[in-house]
């Protein structure tokens, strides 16, 4: 079985022995996270929902980006919501950290920006939490869906927002 580690060792052997200069050694090394992100970002940009826009403040740091969601239907239609995503070094074994930067009255987002979305959880009771097979595209589509089909008033993170909706929806 070919693993990434064995492929990297084989590739290093083809290039020849490593330089004794530690600085050149560290600049040549690319983390597994960054290798995954190069592929995932290309896939994400090719399959972005029409209501989403991704911004990389520093194109050399694919592990940090901002997402803007502009719902075109539902309760939040016409709004513009900003999210900040940071991909940890241990990615893809652990999920990215996502925070909502826009103050919003939403049953699944707190006023401080915490988000209730099962795929952002490392361990989820319902089995829909983070798994190494998930990608950034799953995160973006999930965040986008929080404004439409994943909007959940029955199991809220922001209980007050959910109760307010249920009380005033008639």
C-alpha atoms as a PDB file:
ATOM      1  CA  UNK A   1       0.000   0.000   0.000  1.00  0.00           C
ATOM      2  CA  UNK A   2       1.343   3.419  -0.950  1.00  0.00           C
ATOM      3  CA  UNK A   3       1.100   5.975   1.836  1.00  0.00           C
ATOM      4  CA  UNK A   4       1.818   9.681   1.734  1.00  0.00           C
ATOM      5  CA  UNK A   5       4.769   9.175   4.096  1.00  0.00           C
ATOM      6  CA  UNK A   6       6.348   6.533   1.849  1.00  0.00           C
ATOM      7  CA  UNK A   7       5.742   8.676  -1.246  1.00  0.00           C
ATOM      8  CA  UNK A   8       7.427  11.658   0.427  1.00  0.00           C
ATOM      9  CA  UNK A   9      10.403   9.510   1.444  1.00  0.00           C
ATOM     10  CA  UNK A  10      10.685   8.163  -2.120  1.00  0.00           C
ATOM     11  CA  UNK A  11      10.458  11.711  -3.561  1.00  0.00           C
ATOM     12  CA  UNK A  12      13.156  12.931  -1.146  1.00  0.00           C
ATOM     13  CA  UNK A  13      15.392  10.045  -2.231  1.00  0.00           C
ATOM     14  CA  UNK A  14      14.949  11.000  -5.887  1.00  0.00           C
ATOM     15  CA  UNK A  15      15.955  14.613  -5.162  1.00  0.00           C
ATOM     16  CA  UNK A  16      19.121  13.520  -3.405  1.00  0.00           C
ATOM     17  CA  UNK A  17      20.403  13.975   0.123  1.00  0.00           C
ATOM     18  CA  UNK A  18      19.067  16.857   2.141  1.00  0.00           C
ATOM     19  CA  UNK A  19      21.154  19.987   2.479  1.00  0.00           C
ATOM     20  CA  UNK A  20      22.860  20.423   5.814  1.00  0.00           C
ATOM     21  CA  UNK A  21      21.507  23.973   6.048  1.00  0.00           C
ATOM     22  CA  UNK A  22      18.496  23.819   8.424  1.00  0.00           C
ATOM     23  CA  UNK A  23      16.962  26.969   6.915  1.00  0.00           C
ATOM     24  CA  UNK A  24      16.732  25.459   3.434  1.00  0.00           C
ATOM     25  CA  UNK A  25      15.349  22.259   5.000  1.00  0.00           C
ATOM     26  CA  UNK A  26      12.461  24.086   6.668  1.00  0.00           C
ATOM     27  CA  UNK A  27      11.574  26.117   3.595  1.00  0.00           C
ATOM     28  CA  UNK A  28      11.315  22.967   1.473  1.00  0.00           C
ATOM     29  CA  UNK A  29       9.009  21.151   3.864  1.00  0.00           C
ATOM     30  CA  UNK A  30       5.313  21.389   3.201  1.00  0.00           C
ATOM     31  CA  UNK A  31       2.886  20.114   5.829  1.00  0.00           C
ATOM     32  CA  UNK A  32       0.268  17.492   5.074  1.00  0.00           C
ATOM     33  CA  UNK A  33      -2.351  20.122   5.914  1.00  0.00           C
ATOM     34  CA  UNK A  34      -1.001  22.510   3.302  1.00  0.00           C
ATOM     35  CA  UNK A  35      -0.802  19.782   0.645  1.00  0.00           C
ATOM     36  CA  UNK A  36      -4.440  18.903   1.313  1.00  0.00           C
ATOM     37  CA  UNK A  37      -5.464  22.561   1.263  1.00  0.00           C
ATOM     38  CA  UNK A  38      -3.969  23.181  -2.171  1.00  0.00           C
ATOM     39  CA  UNK A  39      -6.254  20.502  -3.636  1.00  0.00           C
ATOM     40  CA  UNK A  40      -9.266  21.346  -1.469  1.00  0.00           C
ATOM     41  CA  UNK A  41      -9.171  25.094  -2.158  1.00  0.00           C
ATOM     42  CA  UNK A  42      -9.129  24.458  -5.915  1.00  0.00           C
ATOM     43  CA  UNK A  43     -12.106  22.090  -5.541  1.00  0.00           C
ATOM     44  CA  UNK A  44     -13.898  24.553  -3.258  1.00  0.00           C
ATOM     45  CA  UNK A  45     -13.500  27.470  -5.647  1.00  0.00           C
ATOM     46  CA  UNK A  46     -14.784  25.333  -8.537  1.00  0.00           C
ATOM     47  CA  UNK A  47     -17.860  24.194  -6.550  1.00  0.00           C
ATOM     48  CA  UNK A  48     -18.819  27.248  -4.517  1.00  0.00           C
ATOM     49  CA  UNK A  49     -22.547  27.876  -3.958  1.00  0.00           C
ATOM     50  CA  UNK A  50     -23.729  31.001  -5.806  1.00  0.00           C
ATOM     51  CA  UNK A  51     -24.595  32.561  -2.424  1.00  0.00           C
ATOM     52  CA  UNK A  52     -21.022  32.255  -1.114  1.00  0.00           C
ATOM     53  CA  UNK A  53     -17.770  34.083  -1.666  1.00  0.00           C
ATOM     54  CA  UNK A  54     -14.371  33.045  -0.297  1.00  0.00           C
ATOM     55  CA  UNK A  55     -11.581  35.521   0.442  1.00  0.00           C
ATOM     56  CA  UNK A  56      -7.975  34.648   1.298  1.00  0.00           C
ATOM     57  CA  UNK A  57      -6.440  37.769   2.918  1.00  0.00           C
ATOM     58  CA  UNK A  58      -2.991  36.232   2.385  1.00  0.00           C
ATOM     59  CA  UNK A  59      -2.863  33.925  -0.679  1.00  0.00           C
ATOM     60  CA  UNK A  60       0.185  32.207   0.850  1.00  0.00           C
ATOM     61  CA  UNK A  61      -1.846  31.117   3.891  1.00  0.00           C
ATOM     62  CA  UNK A  62      -4.561  28.791   2.631  1.00  0.00           C
ATOM     63  CA  UNK A  63      -5.243  27.733   6.232  1.00  0.00           C
ATOM     64  CA  UNK A  64      -6.983  31.039   6.978  1.00  0.00           C
ATOM     65  CA  UNK A  65      -9.858  32.431   4.940  1.00  0.00           C
ATOM     66  CA  UNK A  66     -13.065  34.388   5.189  1.00  0.00           C
ATOM     67  CA  UNK A  67     -16.406  33.306   3.834  1.00  0.00           C
ATOM     68  CA  UNK A  68     -19.322  35.579   3.000  1.00  0.00           C
ATOM     69  CA  UNK A  69     -22.773  34.003   2.779  1.00  0.00           C
ATOM     70  CA  UNK A  70     -25.572  36.037   1.172  1.00  0.00           C
ATOM     71  CA  UNK A  71     -28.759  33.927   1.382  1.00  0.00           C
ATOM     72  CA  UNK A  72     -31.139  34.309  -1.568  1.00  0.00           C
ATOM     73  CA  UNK A  73     -34.129  32.708   0.190  1.00  0.00           C
ATOM     74  CA  UNK A  74     -35.634  32.176   3.652  1.00  0.00           C
ATOM     75  CA  UNK A  75     -35.601  34.297   6.807  1.00  0.00           C
ATOM     76  CA  UNK A  76     -32.142  35.707   6.165  1.00  0.00           C
ATOM     77  CA  UNK A  77     -32.611  36.537   2.469  1.00  0.00           C
ATOM     78  CA  UNK A  78     -30.706  39.671   1.515  1.00  0.00           C
ATOM     79  CA  UNK A  79     -28.418  39.516   4.557  1.00  0.00           C
ATOM     80  CA  UNK A  80     -24.649  39.326   4.336  1.00  0.00           C
ATOM     81  CA  UNK A  81     -22.883  37.128   6.885  1.00  0.00           C
ATOM     82  CA  UNK A  82     -19.128  36.831   7.388  1.00  0.00           C
ATOM     83  CA  UNK A  83     -17.347  33.791   8.746  1.00  0.00           C
ATOM     84  CA  UNK A  84     -13.704  33.308   9.651  1.00  0.00           C
ATOM     85  CA  UNK A  85     -12.160  29.879   9.121  1.00  0.00           C
ATOM     86  CA  UNK A  86      -8.848  28.701  10.490  1.00  0.00           C
ATOM     87  CA  UNK A  87      -7.553  25.261   9.580  1.00  0.00           C
ATOM     88  CA  UNK A  88      -5.396  23.773  12.382  1.00  0.00           C
ATOM     89  CA  UNK A  89      -2.085  21.965  11.828  1.00  0.00           C
ATOM     90  CA  UNK A  90      -3.756  18.628  12.698  1.00  0.00           C
ATOM     91  CA  UNK A  91      -6.218  18.978   9.786  1.00  0.00           C
ATOM     92  CA  UNK A  92      -7.781  16.667   8.434  1.00  0.00           C
ATOM     93  CA  UNK A  93      -7.916  14.669  11.638  1.00  0.00           C
ATOM     94  CA  UNK A  94      -9.572  17.623  13.386  1.00  0.00           C
ATOM     95  CA  UNK A  95     -12.104  20.066  11.940  1.00  0.00           C
ATOM     96  CA  UNK A  96     -11.407  23.688  11.030  1.00  0.00           C
ATOM     97  CA  UNK A  97     -12.303  26.356  13.592  1.00  0.00           C
ATOM     98  CA  UNK A  98     -15.098  28.578  12.279  1.00  0.00           C
ATOM     99  CA  UNK A  99     -16.528  31.719  13.822  1.00  0.00           C
ATOM    100  CA  UNK A 100     -19.325  33.985  12.640  1.00  0.00           C
ATOM    101  CA  UNK A 101     -18.061  37.577  12.561  1.00  0.00           C
ATOM    102  CA  UNK A 102     -21.484  39.109  11.869  1.00  0.00           C
ATOM    103  CA  UNK A 103     -23.778  39.630  14.852  1.00  0.00           C
ATOM    104  CA  UNK A 104     -26.897  37.688  14.054  1.00  0.00           C
ATOM    105  CA  UNK A 105     -30.088  36.538  15.784  1.00  0.00           C
ATOM    106  CA  UNK A 106     -30.007  32.894  14.716  1.00  0.00           C
ATOM    107  CA  UNK A 107     -30.953  29.707  16.597  1.00  0.00           C
ATOM    108  CA  UNK A 108     -27.732  27.939  15.555  1.00  0.00           C
ATOM    109  CA  UNK A 109     -25.275  30.846  15.960  1.00  0.00           C
ATOM    110  CA  UNK A 110     -24.627  32.680  19.230  1.00  0.00           C
ATOM    111  CA  UNK A 111     -24.241  36.431  19.418  1.00  0.00           C
ATOM    112  CA  UNK A 112     -20.523  35.867  20.071  1.00  0.00           C
ATOM    113  CA  UNK A 113     -20.118  33.889  16.838  1.00  0.00           C
ATOM    114  CA  UNK A 114     -20.118  30.270  18.029  1.00  0.00           C
ATOM    115  CA  UNK A 115     -21.735  27.934  15.506  1.00  0.00           C
ATOM    116  CA  UNK A 116     -23.803  24.812  16.033  1.00  0.00           C
ATOM    117  CA  UNK A 117     -23.106  22.677  12.989  1.00  0.00           C
ATOM    118  CA  UNK A 118     -22.431  18.992  13.636  1.00  0.00           C
ATOM    119  CA  UNK A 119     -19.712  18.637  11.013  1.00  0.00           C
ATOM    120  CA  UNK A 120     -17.649  21.248  12.868  1.00  0.00           C
ATOM    121  CA  UNK A 121     -17.577  18.985  15.946  1.00  0.00           C
ATOM    122  CA  UNK A 122     -14.792  16.517  16.426  1.00  0.00           C
ATOM    123  CA  UNK A 123     -17.150  14.104  18.194  1.00  0.00           C
ATOM    124  CA  UNK A 124     -20.841  14.138  17.374  1.00  0.00           C
ATOM    125  CA  UNK A 125     -23.551  12.033  18.981  1.00  0.00           C
ATOM    126  CA  UNK A 126     -25.497  11.703  15.731  1.00  0.00           C
ATOM    127  CA  UNK A 127     -22.519  10.419  13.720  1.00  0.00           C
ATOM    128  CA  UNK A 128     -22.534  13.416  11.370  1.00  0.00           C
ATOM    129  CA  UNK A 129     -19.568  15.129  12.982  1.00  0.00           C
ATOM    130  CA  UNK A 130     -16.133  15.705  11.550  1.00  0.00           C
ATOM    131  CA  UNK A 131     -14.383  12.843   9.753  1.00  0.00           C
ATOM    132  CA  UNK A 132     -11.093  12.852   7.822  1.00  0.00           C
ATOM    133  CA  UNK A 133     -13.095  12.301   4.633  1.00  0.00           C
ATOM    134  CA  UNK A 134     -14.773  15.705   4.977  1.00  0.00           C
ATOM    135  CA  UNK A 135     -13.391  18.749   3.170  1.00  0.00           C
ATOM    136  CA  UNK A 136     -13.554  22.545   3.184  1.00  0.00           C
ATOM    137  CA  UNK A 137     -16.294  22.286   0.575  1.00  0.00           C
ATOM    138  CA  UNK A 138     -18.453  20.399   3.111  1.00  0.00           C
ATOM    139  CA  UNK A 139     -17.888  23.180   5.660  1.00  0.00           C
ATOM    140  CA  UNK A 140     -18.850  25.952   3.228  1.00  0.00           C
ATOM    141  CA  UNK A 141     -21.960  24.136   2.002  1.00  0.00           C
ATOM    142  CA  UNK A 142     -22.911  23.397   5.633  1.00  0.00           C
ATOM    143  CA  UNK A 143     -22.547  27.045   6.678  1.00  0.00           C
ATOM    144  CA  UNK A 144     -24.562  28.113   3.645  1.00  0.00           C
ATOM    145  CA  UNK A 145     -27.290  25.620   4.595  1.00  0.00           C
ATOM    146  CA  UNK A 146     -27.598  27.112   8.101  1.00  0.00           C
ATOM    147  CA  UNK A 147     -29.640  29.838   6.437  1.00  0.00           C
ATOM    148  CA  UNK A 148     -31.979  27.449   4.591  1.00  0.00           C
ATOM    149  CA  UNK A 149     -32.498  23.706   5.104  1.00  0.00           C
ATOM    150  CA  UNK A 150     -30.249  23.272   8.190  1.00  0.00           C
ATOM    151  CA  UNK A 151     -31.879  26.127  10.105  1.00  0.00           C
ATOM    152  CA  UNK A 152     -32.849  24.263  13.295  1.00  0.00           C
ATOM    153  CA  UNK A 153     -35.272  25.672  15.859  1.00  0.00           C
ATOM    154  CA  UNK A 154     -35.713  22.324  17.665  1.00  0.00           C
ATOM    155  CA  UNK A 155     -32.120  21.893  18.902  1.00  0.00           C
ATOM    156  CA  UNK A 156     -30.815  25.460  19.166  1.00  0.00           C
ATOM    157  CA  UNK A 157     -27.504  26.815  20.391  1.00  0.00           C
ATOM    158  CA  UNK A 158     -29.106  30.247  20.845  1.00  0.00           C
ATOM    159  CA  UNK A 159     -32.227  29.237  22.791  1.00  0.00           C
ATOM    160  CA  UNK A 160     -33.573  32.786  23.021  1.00  0.00           C
ATOM    161  CA  UNK A 161     -33.493  33.242  19.232  1.00  0.00           C
ATOM    162  CA  UNK A 162     -35.286  29.919  18.687  1.00  0.00           C
ATOM    163  CA  UNK A 163     -37.966  30.715  21.304  1.00  0.00           C
ATOM    164  CA  UNK A 164     -38.441  34.196  19.832  1.00  0.00           C
ATOM    165  CA  UNK A 165     -39.022  32.709  16.384  1.00  0.00           C
ATOM    166  CA  UNK A 166     -41.416  30.045  17.651  1.00  0.00           C
ATOM    167  CA  UNK A 167     -43.341  32.608  19.694  1.00  0.00           C
ATOM    168  CA  UNK A 168     -43.627  35.203  16.891  1.00  0.00           C
ATOM    169  CA  UNK A 169     -43.896  33.099  13.734  1.00  0.00           C
ATOM    170  CA  UNK A 170     -47.734  33.131  13.738  1.00  0.00           C
END
